[in-house]
Amino acid sequence: MAEEEFEFDGDTYDVSAAKKLLKDKNRRVVNIATDALKRMAPTVSISKRKALRPEIDLAVPIIVAIRRGRKLPIDGWHRIYKALKNGIKTLPAQILTVEESREVLE
């Protein structure tokens, strides 16, 4: 069992492994539109109260895996929720390759 995991639609991602992989590869940060994430947000269970806390830092990149040809955030849903609530249009993100996404899939 990983330190940090993200479960979605029957799949479990090892977020700890994804963070280590991205750190080791020094992946560049890109901006991702929050509108593209809006329709997925209701399907992810988070603490909405926690998401609005000041310590939830929108400058920290979310981590995005590639799942079935689509982008799936596997880390950063509290930041996504906070950004959507505050009308923030983009968030920084680091995107895993297809191979890396498979590697962190448990």
N, C-alpha and C. Protein backbone atom coordinates (compact mmCIF):
# COMPACT_ATOMS: atom_id res chain seq x y z
N MET A 1 0.84 -1.19 0.00
CA MET A 1 0.00 0.00 0.00
C MET A 1 0.89 1.25 0.00
N ALA A 2 0.58 2.18 -0.87
CA ALA A 2 1.35 3.40 -1.00
C ALA A 2 1.00 4.39 0.11
N GLU A 3 1.93 5.31 0.38
CA GLU A 3 1.66 6.37 1.36
C GLU A 3 0.47 7.21 0.95
N GLU A 4 0.49 7.64 -0.30
CA GLU A 4 -0.62 8.42 -0.86
C GLU A 4 -1.17 7.70 -2.07
N GLU A 5 -2.49 7.54 -2.10
CA GLU A 5 -3.14 6.87 -3.21
C GLU A 5 -4.31 7.70 -3.70
N PHE A 6 -4.67 7.49 -4.96
CA PHE A 6 -5.87 8.10 -5.52
C PHE A 6 -6.64 7.00 -6.23
N GLU A 7 -7.90 6.86 -5.87
CA GLU A 7 -8.76 5.85 -6.49
C GLU A 7 -9.79 6.53 -7.38
N PHE A 8 -9.97 5.97 -8.58
CA PHE A 8 -10.95 6.51 -9.51
C PHE A 8 -11.44 5.39 -10.41
N ASP A 9 -12.73 5.18 -10.39
CA ASP A 9 -13.38 4.25 -11.30
C ASP A 9 -12.71 2.88 -11.32
N GLY A 10 -12.40 2.36 -10.13
CA GLY A 10 -11.83 1.03 -10.02
C GLY A 10 -10.32 0.95 -10.14
N ASP A 11 -9.66 2.06 -10.47
CA ASP A 11 -8.21 2.08 -10.56
C ASP A 11 -7.62 2.81 -9.35
N THR A 12 -6.43 2.37 -8.92
CA THR A 12 -5.73 3.01 -7.82
C THR A 12 -4.36 3.45 -8.31
N TYR A 13 -4.05 4.71 -8.07
CA TYR A 13 -2.77 5.29 -8.47
C TYR A 13 -1.91 5.55 -7.24
N ASP A 14 -0.64 5.22 -7.34
CA ASP A 14 0.32 5.45 -6.28
C ASP A 14 0.85 6.88 -6.43
N VAL A 15 0.26 7.81 -5.72
CA VAL A 15 0.62 9.23 -5.83
C VAL A 15 2.03 9.47 -5.30
N SER A 16 2.42 8.74 -4.26
CA SER A 16 3.78 8.88 -3.73
C SER A 16 4.81 8.55 -4.82
N ALA A 17 4.58 7.47 -5.55
CA ALA A 17 5.49 7.07 -6.62
C ALA A 17 5.49 8.11 -7.74
N ALA A 18 4.33 8.67 -8.05
CA ALA A 18 4.23 9.70 -9.09
C ALA A 18 5.04 10.94 -8.68
N LYS A 19 4.92 11.35 -7.43
CA LYS A 19 5.67 12.52 -6.95
C LYS A 19 7.17 12.28 -7.04
N LYS A 20 7.61 11.09 -6.65
CA LYS A 20 9.04 10.77 -6.70
C LYS A 20 9.52 10.76 -8.15
N LEU A 21 8.75 10.14 -9.01
CA LEU A 21 9.11 10.06 -10.42
C LEU A 21 9.25 11.46 -11.03
N LEU A 22 8.30 12.33 -10.75
CA LEU A 22 8.34 13.69 -11.29
C LEU A 22 9.50 14.49 -10.71
N LYS A 23 9.78 14.29 -9.44
CA LYS A 23 10.90 14.99 -8.80
C LYS A 23 12.22 14.54 -9.41
N ASP A 24 12.37 13.23 -9.60
CA ASP A 24 13.60 12.69 -10.16
C ASP A 24 13.82 13.14 -11.60
N LYS A 25 12.75 13.34 -12.35
CA LYS A 25 12.86 13.73 -13.75
C LYS A 25 12.79 15.24 -13.96
N ASN A 26 12.53 15.98 -12.88
CA ASN A 26 12.45 17.44 -12.97
C ASN A 26 11.53 17.90 -14.11
N ARG A 27 10.32 17.39 -14.10
CA ARG A 27 9.33 17.65 -15.14
C ARG A 27 8.92 19.10 -15.17
N ARG A 28 8.75 19.64 -16.35
CA ARG A 28 8.32 21.03 -16.45
C ARG A 28 6.85 21.16 -16.05
N VAL A 29 6.52 22.35 -15.63
CA VAL A 29 5.16 22.66 -15.17
C VAL A 29 4.42 23.36 -16.32
N VAL A 30 3.20 22.93 -16.56
CA VAL A 30 2.34 23.55 -17.58
C VAL A 30 1.07 24.04 -16.90
N ASN A 31 0.32 24.88 -17.57
CA ASN A 31 -0.97 25.32 -17.04
C ASN A 31 -2.07 24.45 -17.63
N ILE A 32 -3.03 24.10 -16.78
CA ILE A 32 -4.18 23.32 -17.22
C ILE A 32 -5.45 24.10 -16.88
N ALA A 33 -6.38 24.14 -17.80
CA ALA A 33 -7.62 24.89 -17.61
C ALA A 33 -8.52 24.19 -16.59
N THR A 34 -9.00 24.95 -15.63
CA THR A 34 -9.89 24.36 -14.62
C THR A 34 -11.24 23.98 -15.21
N ASP A 35 -11.68 24.66 -16.27
CA ASP A 35 -12.95 24.31 -16.90
C ASP A 35 -12.95 22.86 -17.37
N ALA A 36 -11.79 22.38 -17.83
CA ALA A 36 -11.67 21.01 -18.31
C ALA A 36 -11.84 20.01 -17.17
N LEU A 37 -11.65 20.46 -15.94
CA LEU A 37 -11.73 19.57 -14.77
C LEU A 37 -13.07 19.65 -14.06
N LYS A 38 -13.86 20.67 -14.40
CA LYS A 38 -15.11 20.94 -13.69
C LYS A 38 -16.07 19.76 -13.71
N ARG A 39 -16.22 19.11 -14.85
CA ARG A 39 -17.21 18.02 -14.93
C ARG A 39 -16.78 16.78 -14.16
N MET A 40 -15.47 16.64 -13.91
CA MET A 40 -14.98 15.49 -13.14
C MET A 40 -15.07 15.72 -11.64
N ALA A 41 -15.04 16.96 -11.21
CA ALA A 41 -14.98 17.30 -9.79
C ALA A 41 -16.07 16.64 -8.95
N PRO A 42 -17.32 16.60 -9.40
CA PRO A 42 -18.35 15.98 -8.55
C PRO A 42 -18.15 14.48 -8.33
N THR A 43 -17.33 13.83 -9.15
CA THR A 43 -17.14 12.38 -9.01
C THR A 43 -16.03 12.03 -8.03
N VAL A 44 -15.29 13.04 -7.55
CA VAL A 44 -14.17 12.81 -6.64
C VAL A 44 -14.57 13.25 -5.23
N SER A 45 -14.31 12.37 -4.28
CA SER A 45 -14.67 12.65 -2.89
C SER A 45 -13.53 13.39 -2.19
N ILE A 46 -13.81 14.61 -1.75
CA ILE A 46 -12.83 15.41 -0.99
C ILE A 46 -13.55 16.12 0.15
N SER A 47 -12.77 16.64 1.07
CA SER A 47 -13.32 17.48 2.12
C SER A 47 -13.37 18.91 1.58
N LYS A 48 -14.58 19.39 1.31
CA LYS A 48 -14.72 20.74 0.76
C LYS A 48 -14.28 21.79 1.77
N ARG A 49 -14.46 21.51 3.02
CA ARG A 49 -14.02 22.44 4.07
C ARG A 49 -12.49 22.56 4.05
N LYS A 50 -11.81 21.41 3.96
CA LYS A 50 -10.35 21.42 3.90
C LYS A 50 -9.86 22.15 2.64
N ALA A 51 -10.54 21.97 1.53
CA ALA A 51 -10.12 22.57 0.26
C ALA A 51 -10.08 24.09 0.32
N LEU A 52 -10.89 24.68 1.14
CA LEU A 52 -10.96 26.15 1.20
C LEU A 52 -10.02 26.74 2.25
N ARG A 53 -9.27 25.92 2.93
CA ARG A 53 -8.31 26.42 3.94
C ARG A 53 -7.21 27.22 3.27
N PRO A 54 -6.67 28.22 3.97
CA PRO A 54 -5.60 29.06 3.40
C PRO A 54 -4.34 28.26 3.02
N GLU A 55 -4.06 27.18 3.74
CA GLU A 55 -2.83 26.43 3.45
C GLU A 55 -2.91 25.60 2.16
N ILE A 56 -4.07 25.50 1.56
CA ILE A 56 -4.19 24.81 0.27
C ILE A 56 -3.64 25.77 -0.78
N ASP A 57 -2.43 25.47 -1.24
CA ASP A 57 -1.65 26.38 -2.09
C ASP A 57 -1.86 26.08 -3.57
N LEU A 58 -2.51 27.00 -4.25
CA LEU A 58 -2.81 26.82 -5.66
C LEU A 58 -1.57 26.93 -6.55
N ALA A 59 -0.44 27.32 -5.98
CA ALA A 59 0.80 27.40 -6.75
C ALA A 59 1.50 26.04 -6.87
N VAL A 60 1.09 25.07 -6.04
CA VAL A 60 1.67 23.73 -6.10
C VAL A 60 1.03 22.98 -7.28
N PRO A 61 1.84 22.46 -8.19
CA PRO A 61 1.27 21.79 -9.37
C PRO A 61 0.46 20.54 -9.01
N ILE A 62 -0.64 20.36 -9.70
CA ILE A 62 -1.40 19.12 -9.59
C ILE A 62 -0.66 18.08 -10.44
N ILE A 63 -0.93 16.82 -10.19
CA ILE A 63 -0.32 15.74 -10.97
C ILE A 63 -1.41 15.09 -11.82
N VAL A 64 -1.10 14.96 -13.10
CA VAL A 64 -2.07 14.44 -14.06
C VAL A 64 -1.51 13.18 -14.71
N ALA A 65 -2.31 12.11 -14.68
CA ALA A 65 -1.97 10.86 -15.37
C ALA A 65 -2.77 10.80 -16.67
N ILE A 66 -2.33 9.94 -17.55
CA ILE A 66 -3.07 9.68 -18.79
C ILE A 66 -3.78 8.35 -18.61
N ARG A 67 -5.11 8.40 -18.71
CA ARG A 67 -5.94 7.20 -18.50
C ARG A 67 -6.89 7.07 -19.67
N ARG A 68 -6.75 5.99 -20.41
CA ARG A 68 -7.61 5.75 -21.56
C ARG A 68 -7.60 6.94 -22.53
N GLY A 69 -6.42 7.50 -22.73
CA GLY A 69 -6.26 8.60 -23.67
C GLY A 69 -6.69 9.96 -23.16
N ARG A 70 -7.11 10.04 -21.91
CA ARG A 70 -7.57 11.31 -21.33
C ARG A 70 -6.75 11.68 -20.13
N LYS A 71 -6.74 12.97 -19.82
CA LYS A 71 -6.01 13.47 -18.66
C LYS A 71 -6.85 13.29 -17.40
N LEU A 72 -6.22 12.69 -16.38
CA LEU A 72 -6.89 12.45 -15.10
C LEU A 72 -6.01 12.96 -13.98
N PRO A 73 -6.43 14.02 -13.28
CA PRO A 73 -5.68 14.46 -12.10
C PRO A 73 -5.70 13.36 -11.04
N ILE A 74 -4.51 12.97 -10.58
CA ILE A 74 -4.42 11.95 -9.53
C ILE A 74 -3.97 12.57 -8.22
N ASP A 75 -3.59 13.84 -8.25
CA ASP A 75 -3.22 14.56 -7.03
C ASP A 75 -3.56 16.03 -7.24
N GLY A 76 -4.23 16.62 -6.26
CA GLY A 76 -4.54 18.05 -6.33
C GLY A 76 -6.01 18.39 -6.36
N TRP A 77 -6.87 17.46 -6.00
CA TRP A 77 -8.31 17.74 -6.08
C TRP A 77 -8.78 18.81 -5.11
N HIS A 78 -8.12 18.95 -3.96
CA HIS A 78 -8.49 20.06 -3.07
C HIS A 78 -8.14 21.39 -3.73
N ARG A 79 -7.00 21.43 -4.42
CA ARG A 79 -6.60 22.65 -5.15
C ARG A 79 -7.56 22.93 -6.31
N ILE A 80 -7.97 21.88 -6.99
CA ILE A 80 -8.91 22.05 -8.10
C ILE A 80 -10.22 22.62 -7.58
N TYR A 81 -10.74 22.04 -6.51
CA TYR A 81 -12.00 22.52 -5.94
C TYR A 81 -11.87 23.99 -5.52
N LYS A 82 -10.78 24.33 -4.84
CA LYS A 82 -10.57 25.71 -4.39
C LYS A 82 -10.48 26.65 -5.58
N ALA A 83 -9.78 26.25 -6.62
CA ALA A 83 -9.67 27.08 -7.82
C ALA A 83 -11.03 27.30 -8.47
N LEU A 84 -11.81 26.24 -8.58
CA LEU A 84 -13.15 26.37 -9.18
C LEU A 84 -14.04 27.29 -8.34
N LYS A 85 -13.99 27.15 -7.03
CA LYS A 85 -14.81 28.00 -6.15
C LYS A 85 -14.41 29.47 -6.23
N ASN A 86 -13.12 29.72 -6.51
CA ASN A 86 -12.62 31.10 -6.54
C ASN A 86 -12.48 31.66 -7.95
N GLY A 87 -12.99 30.96 -8.94
CA GLY A 87 -12.97 31.47 -10.30
C GLY A 87 -11.59 31.50 -10.95
N ILE A 88 -10.67 30.70 -10.44
CA ILE A 88 -9.33 30.62 -11.02
C ILE A 88 -9.42 29.81 -12.32
N LYS A 89 -8.91 30.34 -13.41
CA LYS A 89 -9.07 29.72 -14.74
C LYS A 89 -8.04 28.64 -15.07
N THR A 90 -6.84 28.72 -14.48
CA THR A 90 -5.81 27.71 -14.75
C THR A 90 -5.08 27.34 -13.46
N LEU A 91 -4.52 26.15 -13.47
CA LEU A 91 -3.69 25.68 -12.37
C LEU A 91 -2.40 25.10 -12.96
N PRO A 92 -1.30 25.21 -12.21
CA PRO A 92 -0.07 24.56 -12.67
C PRO A 92 -0.23 23.05 -12.55
N ALA A 93 0.38 22.34 -13.50
CA ALA A 93 0.27 20.88 -13.51
C ALA A 93 1.55 20.25 -14.05
N GLN A 94 1.78 19.04 -13.59
CA GLN A 94 2.83 18.20 -14.15
C GLN A 94 2.13 16.96 -14.69
N ILE A 95 2.42 16.64 -15.94
CA ILE A 95 1.69 15.56 -16.61
C ILE A 95 2.60 14.36 -16.83
N LEU A 96 2.14 13.23 -16.34
CA LEU A 96 2.86 11.97 -16.54
C LEU A 96 2.69 11.51 -17.99
N THR A 97 3.67 10.80 -18.51
CA THR A 97 3.52 10.18 -19.82
C THR A 97 2.59 8.97 -19.67
N VAL A 98 2.20 8.38 -20.79
CA VAL A 98 1.36 7.18 -20.74
C VAL A 98 2.09 6.07 -19.99
N GLU A 99 3.37 5.90 -20.29
CA GLU A 99 4.16 4.85 -19.63
C GLU A 99 4.27 5.11 -18.12
N GLU A 100 4.53 6.35 -17.76
CA GLU A 100 4.64 6.69 -16.33
C GLU A 100 3.30 6.50 -15.64
N SER A 101 2.22 6.82 -16.33
CA SER A 101 0.88 6.64 -15.75
C SER A 101 0.62 5.18 -15.46
N ARG A 102 1.04 4.29 -16.37
CA ARG A 102 0.90 2.86 -16.13
C ARG A 102 1.77 2.39 -14.98
N GLU A 103 2.96 2.99 -14.88
CA GLU A 103 3.91 2.63 -13.84
C GLU A 103 3.37 2.92 -12.43
N VAL A 104 2.62 4.00 -12.27
CA VAL A 104 2.10 4.35 -10.95
C VAL A 104 0.70 3.78 -10.68
N LEU A 105 0.16 3.08 -11.67
CA LEU A 105 -1.13 2.41 -11.50
C LEU A 105 -0.89 1.13 -10.73
N GLU A 106 -1.57 0.99 -9.60
CA GLU A 106 -1.37 -0.20 -8.75
C GLU A 106 -2.24 -1.35 -9.21
